[in-house]
Amino acid sequence: MFTKKPEPSGPMAKLGGERPSGVSESKSSPFTDRPSPQPKAPGPAMGKMVPSIIGEDLSIQGNVSSKGEIQVDGQIQGDVHCGSLLLGDKAQINGSVVAEDVVVRGKVMGSIRGLRVTLQSQSHVEGDIYHQSLAIEQGAYFEGKSRRSDNPMEGASSGAKPSSAAPTSGNPFSSNAAE
């Protein structure tokens, strides 16, 4: 009923794959038709990228920008724009944050714009949050406005500057870009 296939030999044996006899390398099989784990074109496939890590002993004066994931355990005096941000327990950001996914365990002094924002129990946020989805754990400190928006990152492209038509109040947390 069952027959044992001969052990593969040649270049395919080293790769762990085998081809039935008579089938050329160029023809497809159910195993070769699978989508590649790597994206074919650059896009928002950040789950596959290795995060950039800013360690506890690192302090950055200036803006930080990345298309991928950033894990911050140190301090940043400036704005952060990235695909995904994980802010560690002892981390601190004095500036605005713009990312699709934001998880805060540390301290943020400035506005946050993200599709999915999570403030964990040990977080401390002083500033406005513009979001599609917001989760705040018990014990988290949050002082500011929370604004749900279908496209919370839209106002970030203008540099988060107040519009020239509206007078500025001097409040670093007020923003007219999303209104």
Protein backbone atom coordinates (compact mmCIF):
# COMPACT_ATOMS: atom_id res chain seq x y z
CA MET A 1 0.00 0.00 0.00
CA PHE A 2 2.77 2.48 0.90
CA THR A 3 6.09 2.54 -0.86
CA LYS A 4 9.21 4.26 0.34
CA LYS A 5 10.49 6.97 -1.97
CA PRO A 6 14.20 7.01 -2.73
CA GLU A 7 16.26 9.55 -0.76
CA PRO A 8 16.73 12.77 -2.76
CA SER A 9 20.16 13.60 -4.05
CA GLY A 10 21.66 16.63 -5.71
CA PRO A 11 21.19 20.35 -4.97
CA MET A 12 17.56 20.02 -3.83
CA ALA A 13 18.50 17.49 -1.13
CA LYS A 14 20.65 20.15 0.57
CA LEU A 15 17.70 22.55 0.67
CA GLY A 16 15.37 19.96 2.15
CA GLY A 17 13.03 19.87 -0.83
CA GLU A 18 12.40 17.09 -3.30
CA ARG A 19 10.98 16.96 -6.77
CA PRO A 20 9.25 13.97 -8.29
CA SER A 21 11.20 12.49 -11.16
CA GLY A 22 10.26 13.93 -14.51
CA VAL A 23 9.28 17.35 -13.12
CA SER A 24 11.59 20.15 -14.13
CA GLU A 25 12.80 22.86 -11.74
CA SER A 26 10.80 25.58 -13.53
CA LYS A 27 7.37 24.00 -13.03
CA SER A 28 5.48 24.91 -9.92
CA SER A 29 4.23 22.63 -7.19
CA PRO A 30 2.02 23.30 -4.17
CA PHE A 31 5.21 23.97 -2.21
CA THR A 32 6.60 26.57 -4.61
CA ASP A 33 3.28 28.42 -5.04
CA ARG A 34 3.31 29.66 -1.44
CA PRO A 35 3.74 33.40 -1.03
CA SER A 36 7.19 34.56 -0.08
CA PRO A 37 7.58 35.51 3.60
CA GLN A 38 9.37 38.69 2.52
CA PRO A 39 7.31 41.44 0.89
CA LYS A 40 7.88 41.80 -2.85
CA ALA A 41 7.46 45.56 -2.78
CA PRO A 42 8.29 47.98 -0.01
CA GLY A 43 5.25 48.47 2.14
CA PRO A 44 3.86 48.37 5.66
CA ALA A 45 4.99 44.80 6.47
CA MET A 46 6.67 45.80 9.71
CA GLY A 47 6.06 42.50 11.48
CA LYS A 48 9.05 41.00 9.64
CA MET A 49 11.54 43.74 10.44
CA VAL A 50 13.96 43.72 13.36
CA PRO A 51 13.27 46.63 15.75
CA SER A 52 15.76 49.45 16.24
CA ILE A 53 16.59 49.63 19.93
CA ILE A 54 17.51 52.79 21.83
CA GLY A 55 19.12 51.48 25.02
CA GLU A 56 18.74 52.74 28.59
CA ASP A 57 22.11 54.49 28.51
CA LEU A 58 21.34 56.41 25.29
CA SER A 59 19.97 59.95 25.23
CA ILE A 60 19.05 61.51 21.87
CA GLN A 61 18.71 65.25 21.26
CA GLY A 62 16.74 65.56 18.02
CA ASN A 63 14.06 63.88 15.97
CA VAL A 64 14.01 60.13 15.35
CA SER A 65 12.48 58.62 12.21
CA SER A 66 12.11 55.03 11.00
CA LYS A 67 9.82 53.10 8.68
CA GLY A 68 9.98 50.10 10.98
CA GLU A 69 9.68 49.36 14.67
CA ILE A 70 11.54 51.30 17.36
CA GLN A 71 11.99 50.13 20.93
CA VAL A 72 12.96 52.98 23.24
CA ASP A 73 14.48 52.29 26.64
CA GLY A 74 16.46 55.55 26.85
CA GLN A 75 15.54 59.21 26.45
CA ILE A 76 14.59 61.25 23.38
CA GLN A 77 14.34 65.05 23.32
CA GLY A 78 12.49 65.40 20.03
CA ASP A 79 9.77 63.96 17.85
CA VAL A 80 9.49 60.28 16.97
CA HIS A 81 7.99 59.11 13.66
CA CYS A 82 7.96 55.36 13.00
CA GLY A 83 5.86 52.40 11.98
CA SER A 84 5.61 50.95 15.47
CA LEU A 85 6.84 52.22 18.85
CA LEU A 86 7.42 50.33 22.07
CA LEU A 87 8.34 52.64 24.95
CA GLY A 88 10.00 50.81 27.84
CA ASP A 89 9.46 51.24 31.60
CA LYS A 90 12.32 53.71 32.16
CA ALA A 91 12.06 55.45 28.77
CA GLN A 92 11.11 59.07 28.28
CA ILE A 93 10.13 61.06 25.19
CA ASN A 94 9.81 64.85 25.30
CA GLY A 95 8.16 65.48 21.95
CA SER A 96 5.40 64.20 19.73
CA VAL A 97 4.98 60.56 18.70
CA VAL A 98 3.55 59.42 15.36
CA ALA A 99 3.27 55.67 14.71
CA GLU A 100 0.68 53.14 13.61
CA ASP A 101 1.11 51.08 16.79
CA VAL A 102 2.15 52.75 20.05
CA VAL A 103 2.67 50.88 23.32
CA VAL A 104 3.67 53.10 26.24
CA ARG A 105 5.16 51.81 29.46
CA GLY A 106 7.35 54.84 30.19
CA LYS A 107 6.82 58.60 30.00
CA VAL A 108 5.67 60.75 27.07
CA MET A 109 5.52 64.53 27.35
CA GLY A 110 3.80 65.49 24.11
CA SER A 111 1.09 64.39 21.71
CA ILE A 112 0.64 60.86 20.40
CA ARG A 113 -0.86 60.07 17.01
CA GLY A 114 -1.47 56.43 16.19
CA LEU A 115 -3.94 53.95 14.81
CA ARG A 116 -3.62 51.71 17.88
CA VAL A 117 -2.43 53.27 21.14
CA THR A 118 -1.96 51.34 24.40
CA LEU A 119 -1.09 52.96 27.72
CA GLN A 120 0.08 50.24 30.07
CA SER A 121 -0.32 50.44 33.84
CA GLN A 122 3.08 52.02 34.54
CA SER A 123 2.83 54.65 31.76
CA HIS A 124 2.78 58.43 32.26
CA VAL A 125 1.45 60.54 29.38
CA GLU A 126 0.96 64.30 29.41
CA GLY A 127 -0.40 65.37 26.04
CA ASP A 128 -3.19 64.76 23.58
CA ILE A 129 -3.79 61.38 21.99
CA TYR A 130 -5.26 61.08 18.49
CA HIS A 131 -6.20 57.48 17.73
CA GLN A 132 -8.47 54.95 16.05
CA SER A 133 -8.20 52.54 18.96
CA LEU A 134 -7.12 53.42 22.52
CA ALA A 135 -6.54 51.10 25.48
CA ILE A 136 -5.67 52.47 28.91
CA GLU A 137 -4.79 50.00 31.64
CA GLN A 138 -5.70 50.63 35.26
CA GLY A 139 -2.90 52.57 36.97
CA ALA A 140 -1.81 54.46 33.84
CA TYR A 141 -1.44 58.24 34.19
CA PHE A 142 -2.93 60.28 31.34
CA GLU A 143 -3.49 64.01 31.29
CA GLY A 144 -4.71 65.53 28.05
CA LYS A 145 -7.39 65.13 25.40
CA SER A 146 -8.26 61.86 23.75
CA ARG A 147 -9.59 62.25 20.21
CA ARG A 148 -10.84 59.34 18.15
CA SER A 149 -10.24 59.80 14.45
CA ASP A 150 -10.60 57.62 11.37
CA ASN A 151 -7.21 58.89 10.19
CA PRO A 152 -5.32 60.11 13.27
CA MET A 153 -2.00 60.28 11.44
CA GLU A 154 -3.35 62.74 8.85
CA GLY A 155 -2.46 65.84 10.89
CA ALA A 156 1.08 64.57 11.42
CA SER A 157 2.06 65.05 7.77
CA SER A 158 1.78 68.84 8.14
CA GLY A 159 4.48 68.79 10.80
CA ALA A 160 1.91 69.25 13.61
CA LYS A 161 2.24 73.03 13.35
CA PRO A 162 -0.75 75.17 14.25
CA SER A 163 -2.53 76.68 11.29
CA SER A 164 -1.73 80.31 10.57
CA ALA A 165 -5.45 81.25 10.61
CA ALA A 166 -5.91 80.27 14.26
CA PRO A 167 -4.11 82.14 17.04
CA THR A 168 -1.72 80.07 19.11
CA SER A 169 -2.30 79.93 22.85
CA GLY A 170 1.25 79.04 23.83
CA ASN A 171 0.06 75.64 25.06
CA PRO A 172 2.50 73.01 23.74
CA PHE A 173 -0.24 70.37 23.74
CA SER A 174 -2.83 72.20 21.62
CA SER A 175 -3.08 71.25 17.99
CA ASN A 176 -5.38 72.59 15.32
CA ALA A 177 -4.20 70.18 12.64
CA ALA A 178 -6.87 67.51 13.27
CA GLU A 179 -9.81 69.85 13.80
